[in-house]
C-alpha atoms as a PDB file:
ATOM      1  CA  UNK A   1     146.982  66.736-108.727  1.00  0.00           C
ATOM      2  CA  UNK A   2     144.557  69.827-108.745  1.00  0.00           C
ATOM      3  CA  UNK A   3     141.699  66.928-110.034  1.00  0.00           C
ATOM      4  CA  UNK A   4     142.201  65.137-106.909  1.00  0.00           C
ATOM      5  CA  UNK A   5     141.415  68.088-104.574  1.00  0.00           C
ATOM      6  CA  UNK A   6     138.600  68.263-106.898  1.00  0.00           C
ATOM      7  CA  UNK A   7     137.530  65.049-106.579  1.00  0.00           C
ATOM      8  CA  UNK A   8     138.125  65.047-102.566  1.00  0.00           C
ATOM      9  CA  UNK A   9     135.193  68.156-102.844  1.00  0.00           C
ATOM     10  CA  UNK A  10     133.111  67.043-104.990  1.00  0.00           C
ATOM     11  CA  UNK A  11     133.167  63.660-102.599  1.00  0.00           C
ATOM     12  CA  UNK A  12     132.121  65.657 -99.374  1.00  0.00           C
ATOM     13  CA  UNK A  13     129.353  67.207-101.315  1.00  0.00           C
ATOM     14  CA  UNK A  14     127.329  64.332-102.615  1.00  0.00           C
ATOM     15  CA  UNK A  15     127.764  63.169 -98.914  1.00  0.00           C
ATOM     16  CA  UNK A  16     125.963  66.286 -97.606  1.00  0.00           C
ATOM     17  CA  UNK A  17     123.111  65.522 -99.919  1.00  0.00           C
ATOM     18  CA  UNK A  18     123.187  61.824 -99.575  1.00  0.00           C
ATOM     19  CA  UNK A  19     123.100  62.046 -95.674  1.00  0.00           C
ATOM     20  CA  UNK A  20     119.580  63.742 -95.451  1.00  0.00           C
ATOM     21  CA  UNK A  21     117.714  60.668 -96.078  1.00  0.00           C
ATOM     22  CA  UNK A  22     119.595  59.283 -92.815  1.00  0.00           C
ATOM     23  CA  UNK A  23     118.349  61.532 -90.149  1.00  0.00           C
ATOM     24  CA  UNK A  24     115.513  59.668 -88.607  1.00  0.00           C
ATOM     25  CA  UNK A  25     116.665  57.824 -85.201  1.00  0.00           C
ATOM     26  CA  UNK A  26     117.016  53.658 -85.458  1.00  0.00           C
ATOM     27  CA  UNK A  27     114.486  52.185 -83.360  1.00  0.00           C
ATOM     28  CA  UNK A  28     116.973  50.079 -81.399  1.00  0.00           C
ATOM     29  CA  UNK A  29     119.065  53.827 -80.622  1.00  0.00           C
ATOM     30  CA  UNK A  30     119.720  53.860 -76.134  1.00  0.00           C
ATOM     31  CA  UNK A  31     119.065  50.194 -76.178  1.00  0.00           C
ATOM     32  CA  UNK A  32     122.816  49.315 -75.409  1.00  0.00           C
ATOM     33  CA  UNK A  33     125.136  49.839 -72.546  1.00  0.00           C
ATOM     34  CA  UNK A  34     128.502  51.510 -72.558  1.00  0.00           C
ATOM     35  CA  UNK A  35     127.699  53.822 -75.353  1.00  0.00           C
ATOM     36  CA  UNK A  36     130.380  55.784 -74.303  1.00  0.00           C
ATOM     37  CA  UNK A  37     132.702  53.551 -76.322  1.00  0.00           C
ATOM     38  CA  UNK A  38     131.479  54.546 -79.715  1.00  0.00           C
ATOM     39  CA  UNK A  39     132.533  58.168 -79.085  1.00  0.00           C
ATOM     40  CA  UNK A  40     135.719  58.590 -81.174  1.00  0.00           C
ATOM     41  CA  UNK A  41     139.365  58.865 -79.944  1.00  0.00           C
ATOM     42  CA  UNK A  42     141.298  61.916 -81.400  1.00  0.00           C
ATOM     43  CA  UNK A  43     140.691  65.231 -82.364  1.00  0.00           C
ATOM     44  CA  UNK A  44     141.869  64.485 -85.767  1.00  0.00           C
ATOM     45  CA  UNK A  45     139.903  61.402 -86.816  1.00  0.00           C
ATOM     46  CA  UNK A  46     136.798  63.206 -85.220  1.00  0.00           C
ATOM     47  CA  UNK A  47     137.334  65.965 -87.502  1.00  0.00           C
ATOM     48  CA  UNK A  48     137.721  63.356 -90.246  1.00  0.00           C
ATOM     49  CA  UNK A  49     133.932  61.915 -89.693  1.00  0.00           C
ATOM     50  CA  UNK A  50     135.120  59.070 -87.458  1.00  0.00           C
ATOM     51  CA  UNK A  51     137.162  57.434 -90.363  1.00  0.00           C
ATOM     52  CA  UNK A  52     139.878  55.939 -88.224  1.00  0.00           C
ATOM     53  CA  UNK A  53     140.493  52.356 -88.882  1.00  0.00           C
ATOM     54  CA  UNK A  54     142.592  52.746 -92.039  1.00  0.00           C
ATOM     55  CA  UNK A  55     143.758  56.048 -91.543  1.00  0.00           C
ATOM     56  CA  UNK A  56     144.987  56.481 -87.532  1.00  0.00           C
ATOM     57  CA  UNK A  57     148.903  56.283 -87.298  1.00  0.00           C
ATOM     58  CA  UNK A  58     149.404  57.020 -83.714  1.00  0.00           C
ATOM     59  CA  UNK A  59     148.514  55.729 -80.037  1.00  0.00           C
ATOM     60  CA  UNK A  60     145.052  56.256 -80.278  1.00  0.00           C
ATOM     61  CA  UNK A  61     145.043  53.438 -82.849  1.00  0.00           C
ATOM     62  CA  UNK A  62     144.483  51.417 -79.298  1.00  0.00           C
ATOM     63  CA  UNK A  63     140.743  52.910 -79.827  1.00  0.00           C
ATOM     64  CA  UNK A  64     140.275  52.444 -83.535  1.00  0.00           C
ATOM     65  CA  UNK A  65     142.076  49.219 -85.114  1.00  0.00           C
ATOM     66  CA  UNK A  66     145.147  47.871 -82.775  1.00  0.00           C
ATOM     67  CA  UNK A  67     146.893  46.463 -86.052  1.00  0.00           C
ATOM     68  CA  UNK A  68     147.583  50.230 -86.895  1.00  0.00           C
ATOM     69  CA  UNK A  69     149.707  50.879 -83.887  1.00  0.00           C
ATOM     70  CA  UNK A  70     153.122  52.776 -84.737  1.00  0.00           C
ATOM     71  CA  UNK A  71     156.217  52.093 -84.249  1.00  0.00           C
ATOM     72  CA  UNK A  72     158.711  53.357 -82.078  1.00  0.00           C
ATOM     73  CA  UNK A  73     155.801  54.461 -80.223  1.00  0.00           C
ATOM     74  CA  UNK A  74     153.270  57.054 -79.614  1.00  0.00           C
ATOM     75  CA  UNK A  75     151.121  59.048 -76.399  1.00  0.00           C
ATOM     76  CA  UNK A  76     148.150  60.622 -76.864  1.00  0.00           C
ATOM     77  CA  UNK A  77     145.594  62.889 -75.042  1.00  0.00           C
ATOM     78  CA  UNK A  78     142.018  63.865 -75.620  1.00  0.00           C
ATOM     79  CA  UNK A  79     139.608  66.363 -73.803  1.00  0.00           C
ATOM     80  CA  UNK A  80     136.358  66.531 -74.969  1.00  0.00           C
ATOM     81  CA  UNK A  81     133.574  69.342 -74.130  1.00  0.00           C
ATOM     82  CA  UNK A  82     131.059  66.972 -75.049  1.00  0.00           C
ATOM     83  CA  UNK A  83     127.017  67.597 -75.408  1.00  0.00           C
ATOM     84  CA  UNK A  84     125.110  69.288 -72.177  1.00  0.00           C
ATOM     85  CA  UNK A  85     127.978  69.451 -70.210  1.00  0.00           C
ATOM     86  CA  UNK A  86     129.683  66.065 -70.235  1.00  0.00           C
ATOM     87  CA  UNK A  87     133.415  65.837 -70.733  1.00  0.00           C
ATOM     88  CA  UNK A  88     135.280  62.575 -72.278  1.00  0.00           C
ATOM     89  CA  UNK A  89     139.325  62.370 -71.524  1.00  0.00           C
ATOM     90  CA  UNK A  90     140.999  60.097 -72.868  1.00  0.00           C
ATOM     91  CA  UNK A  91     145.047  58.863 -73.055  1.00  0.00           C
ATOM     92  CA  UNK A  92     146.370  56.261 -75.122  1.00  0.00           C
ATOM     93  CA  UNK A  93     150.287  54.766 -75.133  1.00  0.00           C
ATOM     94  CA  UNK A  94     151.584  52.698 -77.891  1.00  0.00           C
ATOM     95  CA  UNK A  95     154.784  51.527 -78.041  1.00  0.00           C
ATOM     96  CA  UNK A  96     156.405  48.686 -80.702  1.00  0.00           C
ATOM     97  CA  UNK A  97     159.702  46.314 -80.991  1.00  0.00           C
ATOM     98  CA  UNK A  98     160.192  44.757 -84.201  1.00  0.00           C
ATOM     99  CA  UNK A  99     157.098  42.470 -85.466  1.00  0.00           C
ATOM    100  CA  UNK A 100     155.099  42.880 -81.817  1.00  0.00           C
ATOM    101  CA  UNK A 101     153.365  46.228 -80.447  1.00  0.00           C
ATOM    102  CA  UNK A 102     151.975  47.129 -77.527  1.00  0.00           C
ATOM    103  CA  UNK A 103     149.391  49.805 -76.094  1.00  0.00           C
ATOM    104  CA  UNK A 104     147.070  50.845 -72.935  1.00  0.00           C
ATOM    105  CA  UNK A 105     144.090  53.029 -72.959  1.00  0.00           C
ATOM    106  CA  UNK A 106     141.547  54.576 -70.899  1.00  0.00           C
ATOM    107  CA  UNK A 107     138.547  57.008 -71.009  1.00  0.00           C
ATOM    108  CA  UNK A 108     136.608  58.829 -68.802  1.00  0.00           C
ATOM    109  CA  UNK A 109     133.431  60.603 -69.239  1.00  0.00           C
ATOM    110  CA  UNK A 110     131.635  62.407 -66.580  1.00  0.00           C
ATOM    111  CA  UNK A 111     128.619  64.449 -67.135  1.00  0.00           C
ATOM    112  CA  UNK A 112     127.268  67.450 -65.559  1.00  0.00           C
ATOM    113  CA  UNK A 113     125.176  68.121 -62.705  1.00  0.00           C
ATOM    114  CA  UNK A 114     122.116  65.775 -63.301  1.00  0.00           C
ATOM    115  CA  UNK A 115     118.979  67.483 -61.111  1.00  0.00           C
ATOM    116  CA  UNK A 116     117.149  64.714 -58.705  1.00  0.00           C
ATOM    117  CA  UNK A 117     113.310  65.092 -57.864  1.00  0.00           C
ATOM    118  CA  UNK A 118     110.821  63.056 -56.106  1.00  0.00           C
ATOM    119  CA  UNK A 119     107.630  61.368 -57.308  1.00  0.00           C
ATOM    120  CA  UNK A 120     106.146  64.750 -57.343  1.00  0.00           C
ATOM    121  CA  UNK A 121     107.141  67.635 -60.007  1.00  0.00           C
ATOM    122  CA  UNK A 122     108.495  70.429 -58.386  1.00  0.00           C
ATOM    123  CA  UNK A 123     110.203  73.590 -59.337  1.00  0.00           C
ATOM    124  CA  UNK A 124     113.615  72.566 -57.601  1.00  0.00           C
ATOM    125  CA  UNK A 125     115.137  69.681 -57.500  1.00  0.00           C
ATOM    126  CA  UNK A 126     115.854  67.880 -54.125  1.00  0.00           C
ATOM    127  CA  UNK A 127     119.706  67.254 -55.188  1.00  0.00           C
ATOM    128  CA  UNK A 128     121.906  66.621 -57.686  1.00  0.00           C
ATOM    129  CA  UNK A 129     123.948  63.864 -59.171  1.00  0.00           C
ATOM    130  CA  UNK A 130     126.584  62.475 -61.837  1.00  0.00           C
ATOM    131  CA  UNK A 131     126.938  59.616 -64.211  1.00  0.00           C
ATOM    132  CA  UNK A 132     130.663  58.214 -64.684  1.00  0.00           C
ATOM    133  CA  UNK A 133     131.864  55.720 -67.725  1.00  0.00           C
ATOM    134  CA  UNK A 134     135.303  54.419 -67.504  1.00  0.00           C
ATOM    135  CA  UNK A 135     137.164  51.864 -69.870  1.00  0.00           C
ATOM    136  CA  UNK A 136     140.824  50.911 -69.263  1.00  0.00           C
ATOM    137  CA  UNK A 137     142.290  48.612 -72.223  1.00  0.00           C
ATOM    138  CA  UNK A 138     145.458  46.623 -73.387  1.00  0.00           C
ATOM    139  CA  UNK A 139     146.136  46.162 -76.865  1.00  0.00           C
ATOM    140  CA  UNK A 140     148.382  43.790 -78.878  1.00  0.00           C
ATOM    141  CA  UNK A 141     149.434  43.340 -82.240  1.00  0.00           C
ATOM    142  CA  UNK A 142     151.751  41.067 -84.583  1.00  0.00           C
ATOM    143  CA  UNK A 143     153.137  42.666 -87.459  1.00  0.00           C
ATOM    144  CA  UNK A 144     154.576  39.771 -89.563  1.00  0.00           C
ATOM    145  CA  UNK A 145     155.445  42.481 -92.512  1.00  0.00           C
ATOM    146  CA  UNK A 146     154.988  45.973 -93.465  1.00  0.00           C
ATOM    147  CA  UNK A 147     152.058  45.139 -95.609  1.00  0.00           C
ATOM    148  CA  UNK A 148     150.087  42.939 -93.019  1.00  0.00           C
ATOM    149  CA  UNK A 149     149.121  43.426 -89.378  1.00  0.00           C
ATOM    150  CA  UNK A 150     146.592  42.154 -86.818  1.00  0.00           C
ATOM    151  CA  UNK A 151     145.630  43.410 -83.580  1.00  0.00           C
ATOM    152  CA  UNK A 152     143.476  42.873 -80.390  1.00  0.00           C
ATOM    153  CA  UNK A 153     142.444  44.724 -77.375  1.00  0.00           C
ATOM    154  CA  UNK A 154     140.826  43.998 -74.379  1.00  0.00           C
ATOM    155  CA  UNK A 155     138.948  46.734 -72.039  1.00  0.00           C
ATOM    156  CA  UNK A 156     137.245  46.698 -68.851  1.00  0.00           C
ATOM    157  CA  UNK A 157     134.199  48.847 -68.337  1.00  0.00           C
ATOM    158  CA  UNK A 158     132.540  50.636 -65.442  1.00  0.00           C
ATOM    159  CA  UNK A 159     129.604  52.458 -65.717  1.00  0.00           C
ATOM    160  CA  UNK A 160     127.888  54.306 -62.435  1.00  0.00           C
ATOM    161  CA  UNK A 161     124.586  56.700 -62.722  1.00  0.00           C
ATOM    162  CA  UNK A 162     123.227  57.919 -59.163  1.00  0.00           C
ATOM    163  CA  UNK A 163     122.679  54.520 -57.075  1.00  0.00           C
ATOM    164  CA  UNK A 164     123.389  52.059 -59.893  1.00  0.00           C
ATOM    165  CA  UNK A 165     126.711  50.618 -61.522  1.00  0.00           C
ATOM    166  CA  UNK A 166     127.748  47.764 -63.828  1.00  0.00           C
ATOM    167  CA  UNK A 167     130.977  46.551 -64.841  1.00  0.00           C
ATOM    168  CA  UNK A 168     131.509  44.640 -67.855  1.00  0.00           C
ATOM    169  CA  UNK A 169     134.449  43.664 -70.526  1.00  0.00           C
ATOM    170  CA  UNK A 170     134.298  43.724 -73.933  1.00  0.00           C
ATOM    171  CA  UNK A 171     137.344  42.816 -76.853  1.00  0.00           C
ATOM    172  CA  UNK A 172     138.123  44.552 -79.971  1.00  0.00           C
ATOM    173  CA  UNK A 173     139.622  42.410 -83.313  1.00  0.00           C
ATOM    174  CA  UNK A 174     141.622  44.559 -86.347  1.00  0.00           C
ATOM    175  CA  UNK A 175     143.586  43.980 -89.336  1.00  0.00           C
ATOM    176  CA  UNK A 176     145.430  46.026 -91.594  1.00  0.00           C
ATOM    177  CA  UNK A 177     146.643  45.897 -94.955  1.00  0.00           C
ATOM    178  CA  UNK A 178     149.175  48.406 -97.147  1.00  0.00           C
ATOM    179  CA  UNK A 179     149.465  48.317-100.617  1.00  0.00           C
ATOM    180  CA  UNK A 180     151.238  50.337-102.870  1.00  0.00           C
ATOM    181  CA  UNK A 181     154.273  51.386-100.476  1.00  0.00           C
ATOM    182  CA  UNK A 182     151.487  52.327 -97.762  1.00  0.00           C
ATOM    183  CA  UNK A 183     149.890  55.079 -99.713  1.00  0.00           C
ATOM    184  CA  UNK A 184     146.475  52.883 -99.869  1.00  0.00           C
ATOM    185  CA  UNK A 185     145.065  51.045 -96.544  1.00  0.00           C
ATOM    186  CA  UNK A 186     142.361  48.507 -96.351  1.00  0.00           C
ATOM    187  CA  UNK A 187     141.072  47.565 -92.965  1.00  0.00           C
ATOM    188  CA  UNK A 188     138.370  45.991 -90.702  1.00  0.00           C
ATOM    189  CA  UNK A 189     137.700  45.647 -87.286  1.00  0.00           C
ATOM    190  CA  UNK A 190     134.682  44.069 -84.955  1.00  0.00           C
ATOM    191  CA  UNK A 191     134.627  46.748 -81.853  1.00  0.00           C
ATOM    192  CA  UNK A 192     132.791  46.082 -78.524  1.00  0.00           C
ATOM    193  CA  UNK A 193     132.404  42.090 -78.511  1.00  0.00           C
ATOM    194  CA  UNK A 194     131.116  41.118 -75.014  1.00  0.00           C
ATOM    195  CA  UNK A 195     128.830  39.643 -72.614  1.00  0.00           C
ATOM    196  CA  UNK A 196     125.605  41.730 -71.623  1.00  0.00           C
ATOM    197  CA  UNK A 197     125.802  44.071 -69.044  1.00  0.00           C
ATOM    198  CA  UNK A 198     123.939  44.500 -65.892  1.00  0.00           C
ATOM    199  CA  UNK A 199     122.490  47.929 -64.757  1.00  0.00           C
ATOM    200  CA  UNK A 200     119.553  48.290 -62.259  1.00  0.00           C
ATOM    201  CA  UNK A 201     118.068  44.341 -62.571  1.00  0.00           C
ATOM    202  CA  UNK A 202     118.055  44.813 -66.384  1.00  0.00           C
ATOM    203  CA  UNK A 203     120.503  43.246 -68.969  1.00  0.00           C
ATOM    204  CA  UNK A 204     121.869  45.079 -71.882  1.00  0.00           C
ATOM    205  CA  UNK A 205     124.017  44.502 -74.794  1.00  0.00           C
ATOM    206  CA  UNK A 206     127.130  45.773 -75.571  1.00  0.00           C
ATOM    207  CA  UNK A 207     127.357  48.369 -78.629  1.00  0.00           C
ATOM    208  CA  UNK A 208     128.840  46.024 -81.123  1.00  0.00           C
ATOM    209  CA  UNK A 209     129.775  47.432 -84.357  1.00  0.00           C
ATOM    210  CA  UNK A 210     131.503  45.855 -87.419  1.00  0.00           C
ATOM    211  CA  UNK A 211     133.614  48.206 -89.800  1.00  0.00           C
ATOM    212  CA  UNK A 212     135.463  48.232 -93.092  1.00  0.00           C
ATOM    213  CA  UNK A 213     137.642  50.903 -94.210  1.00  0.00           C
ATOM    214  CA  UNK A 214     140.398  52.588 -96.722  1.00  0.00           C
ATOM    215  CA  UNK A 215     142.991  55.153 -96.680  1.00  0.00           C
ATOM    216  CA  UNK A 216     144.963  56.647 -99.558  1.00  0.00           C
ATOM    217  CA  UNK A 217     147.898  59.422 -99.113  1.00  0.00           C
ATOM    218  CA  UNK A 218     148.588  60.899-102.434  1.00  0.00           C
ATOM    219  CA  UNK A 219     152.220  60.833-103.448  1.00  0.00           C
ATOM    220  CA  UNK A 220     152.509  64.292-104.584  1.00  0.00           C
ATOM    221  CA  UNK A 221     152.509  67.406-103.738  1.00  0.00           C
ATOM    222  CA  UNK A 222     149.829  70.032-104.159  1.00  0.00           C
ATOM    223  CA  UNK A 223     150.409  73.742-103.300  1.00  0.00           C
ATOM    224  CA  UNK A 224     153.276  72.523-100.992  1.00  0.00           C
ATOM    225  CA  UNK A 225     150.818  69.867 -99.485  1.00  0.00           C
ATOM    226  CA  UNK A 226     149.642  66.478 -98.899  1.00  0.00           C
ATOM    227  CA  UNK A 227     146.123  65.425 -99.416  1.00  0.00           C
ATOM    228  CA  UNK A 228     145.107  62.355 -97.676  1.00  0.00           C
ATOM    229  CA  UNK A 229     141.692  60.740 -97.472  1.00  0.00           C
ATOM    230  CA  UNK A 230     139.635  57.831 -95.468  1.00  0.00           C
ATOM    231  CA  UNK A 231     136.230  56.551 -95.575  1.00  0.00           C
ATOM    232  CA  UNK A 232     134.805  53.667 -93.320  1.00  0.00           C
ATOM    233  CA  UNK A 233     131.945  51.402 -93.697  1.00  0.00           C
ATOM    234  CA  UNK A 234     130.108  50.679 -90.455  1.00  0.00           C
ATOM    235  CA  UNK A 235     126.928  48.604 -89.159  1.00  0.00           C
ATOM    236  CA  UNK A 236     126.468  49.000 -85.577  1.00  0.00           C
ATOM    237  CA  UNK A 237     124.169  46.527 -83.878  1.00  0.00           C
ATOM    238  CA  UNK A 238     121.769  49.674 -82.508  1.00  0.00           C
ATOM    239  CA  UNK A 239     122.093  51.713 -85.737  1.00  0.00           C
ATOM    240  CA  UNK A 240     121.655  51.908 -89.416  1.00  0.00           C
ATOM    241  CA  UNK A 241     124.398  51.264 -91.596  1.00  0.00           C
ATOM    242  CA  UNK A 242     127.040  54.256 -91.785  1.00  0.00           C
ATOM    243  CA  UNK A 243     129.434  55.480 -94.370  1.00  0.00           C
ATOM    244  CA  UNK A 244     131.864  57.780 -92.589  1.00  0.00           C
ATOM    245  CA  UNK A 245     134.347  59.753 -94.715  1.00  0.00           C
ATOM    246  CA  UNK A 246     137.023  62.885 -94.456  1.00  0.00           C
ATOM    247  CA  UNK A 247     139.667  64.268 -96.227  1.00  0.00           C
ATOM    248  CA  UNK A 248     143.042  66.048 -94.823  1.00  0.00           C
ATOM    249  CA  UNK A 249     145.130  68.537 -96.393  1.00  0.00           C
ATOM    250  CA  UNK A 250     148.792  68.759 -94.485  1.00  0.00           C
ATOM    251  CA  UNK A 251     150.471  71.724 -95.255  1.00  0.00           C
ATOM    252  CA  UNK A 252     154.125  71.662 -95.425  1.00  0.00           C
ATOM    253  CA  UNK A 253     154.089  68.838 -92.788  1.00  0.00           C
ATOM    254  CA  UNK A 254     152.704  71.245 -90.019  1.00  0.00           C
ATOM    255  CA  UNK A 255     149.210  72.903 -90.706  1.00  0.00           C
ATOM    256  CA  UNK A 256     146.253  70.660 -91.693  1.00  0.00           C
ATOM    257  CA  UNK A 257     142.975  71.333 -92.560  1.00  0.00           C
ATOM    258  CA  UNK A 258     140.361  68.364 -92.301  1.00  0.00           C
ATOM    259  CA  UNK A 259     136.671  67.854 -92.929  1.00  0.00           C
ATOM    260  CA  UNK A 260     134.485  64.854 -92.463  1.00  0.00           C
ATOM    261  CA  UNK A 261     131.151  63.442 -93.339  1.00  0.00           C
ATOM    262  CA  UNK A 262     128.819  60.757 -91.571  1.00  0.00           C
ATOM    263  CA  UNK A 263     126.008  58.998 -93.414  1.00  0.00           C
ATOM    264  CA  UNK A 264     123.419  57.279 -90.773  1.00  0.00           C
ATOM    265  CA  UNK A 265     124.247  58.864 -87.827  1.00  0.00           C
ATOM    266  CA  UNK A 266     121.209  59.766 -85.693  1.00  0.00           C
ATOM    267  CA  UNK A 267     122.688  63.123 -84.147  1.00  0.00           C
ATOM    268  CA  UNK A 268     126.113  63.843 -86.356  1.00  0.00           C
ATOM    269  CA  UNK A 269     126.497  64.679 -89.889  1.00  0.00           C
ATOM    270  CA  UNK A 270     129.200  66.875 -90.650  1.00  0.00           C
ATOM    271  CA  UNK A 271     132.862  67.773 -89.081  1.00  0.00           C
ATOM    272  CA  UNK A 272     135.734  70.247 -89.327  1.00  0.00           C
ATOM    273  CA  UNK A 273     139.150  70.752 -87.804  1.00  0.00           C
ATOM    274  CA  UNK A 274     142.436  71.852 -87.943  1.00  0.00           C
ATOM    275  CA  UNK A 275     145.779  70.933 -86.511  1.00  0.00           C
ATOM    276  CA  UNK A 276     149.661  71.611 -86.354  1.00  0.00           C
ATOM    277  CA  UNK A 277     152.533  69.848 -86.370  1.00  0.00           C
ATOM    278  CA  UNK A 278     155.989  70.890 -84.461  1.00  0.00           C
ATOM    279  CA  UNK A 279     159.089  68.317 -84.199  1.00  0.00           C
ATOM    280  CA  UNK A 280     157.531  65.055 -82.213  1.00  0.00           C
ATOM    281  CA  UNK A 281     154.271  67.143 -81.310  1.00  0.00           C
ATOM    282  CA  UNK A 282     150.893  67.260 -82.779  1.00  0.00           C
ATOM    283  CA  UNK A 283     148.021  69.500 -81.735  1.00  0.00           C
ATOM    284  CA  UNK A 284     144.361  69.018 -83.013  1.00  0.00           C
ATOM    285  CA  UNK A 285     141.157  70.109 -83.001  1.00  0.00           C
ATOM    286  CA  UNK A 286     137.260  68.962 -84.410  1.00  0.00           C
ATOM    287  CA  UNK A 287     134.435  71.138 -84.295  1.00  0.00           C
ATOM    288  CA  UNK A 288     131.232  68.541 -84.466  1.00  0.00           C
ATOM    289  CA  UNK A 289     127.633  70.019 -84.363  1.00  0.00           C
ATOM    290  CA  UNK A 290     124.880  67.759 -83.506  1.00  0.00           C
ATOM    291  CA  UNK A 291     121.463  67.909 -84.395  1.00  0.00           C
ATOM    292  CA  UNK A 292     118.088  68.022 -82.113  1.00  0.00           C
ATOM    293  CA  UNK A 293     119.642  71.032 -80.416  1.00  0.00           C
ATOM    294  CA  UNK A 294     122.460  68.798 -78.525  1.00  0.00           C
ATOM    295  CA  UNK A 295     124.978  71.014 -78.437  1.00  0.00           C
ATOM    296  CA  UNK A 296     128.127  70.870 -80.404  1.00  0.00           C
ATOM    297  CA  UNK A 297     131.114  69.207 -79.335  1.00  0.00           C
ATOM    298  CA  UNK A 298     134.535  70.922 -79.245  1.00  0.00           C
ATOM    299  CA  UNK A 299     137.664  67.944 -79.506  1.00  0.00           C
ATOM    300  CA  UNK A 300     141.469  68.981 -78.679  1.00  0.00           C
ATOM    301  CA  UNK A 301     144.182  66.487 -78.613  1.00  0.00           C
ATOM    302  CA  UNK A 302     147.998  66.351 -77.583  1.00  0.00           C
ATOM    303  CA  UNK A 303     150.049  63.815 -79.897  1.00  0.00           C
ATOM    304  CA  UNK A 304     153.470  63.294 -78.612  1.00  0.00           C
ATOM    305  CA  UNK A 305     155.730  60.842 -81.069  1.00  0.00           C
ATOM    306  CA  UNK A 306     155.126  59.279 -84.234  1.00  0.00           C
END
């Protein structure tokens, strides 16, 4: 069991070293619409490097992989103090009955005050305005057995910045396979698949991404706690290949410590977090710094239920 901990630390250290070669901004970065869809859901998974498609086990599965929505149900809230005064607030609710799972979710991104200037440079802005991004979604999963599940999510999108606005819709599909009595999970998703969105007479592709992932839950105890780990391989339409990985240590089923890392991401690399579980409640926090002096993201979550 100590070897498991040493192995997890070694893998994360290797990722820190390997990730230095992926710090260049992809030439297609910023060419897609609705990029707020790429912000992870839930402080727990954000702290794990956003390796969530084979690991999520609460209502945030509506975002990560709808095939993993839990039984009997779950409610999840997140507040994300993001970059440059921007905030992101999420809510997800899922419910299961026999072989069927249903979920709903929504997200609102609100920017800080953006200065408005006319064509002539001036020391003071003419006015200020804000930008808003929103989605509301429905999720469904069919679970024929404890080893196999498949799900789909539909999301309605809305974006507004100053006098321009855009509407759209997108689909996500996911599958999950559990092995070794649930200790190992394998998953795959196709995210944000949909038509182009029009903003200010221009058409933009959606931030489509394809992901495969795995998660492992060690069955034994290590210092009265359990080790869990996950890794995803991601290919976004507007970015390089990414590897996302994270490990969690849950002490006595209550106190969690988390470490994550991403390779291939334009602005993010490592992440840290903690959490506390009390009865059916889960309180989580994630700390995610960004490159290029963009600031630090602080994410807080409250989960109720499984």
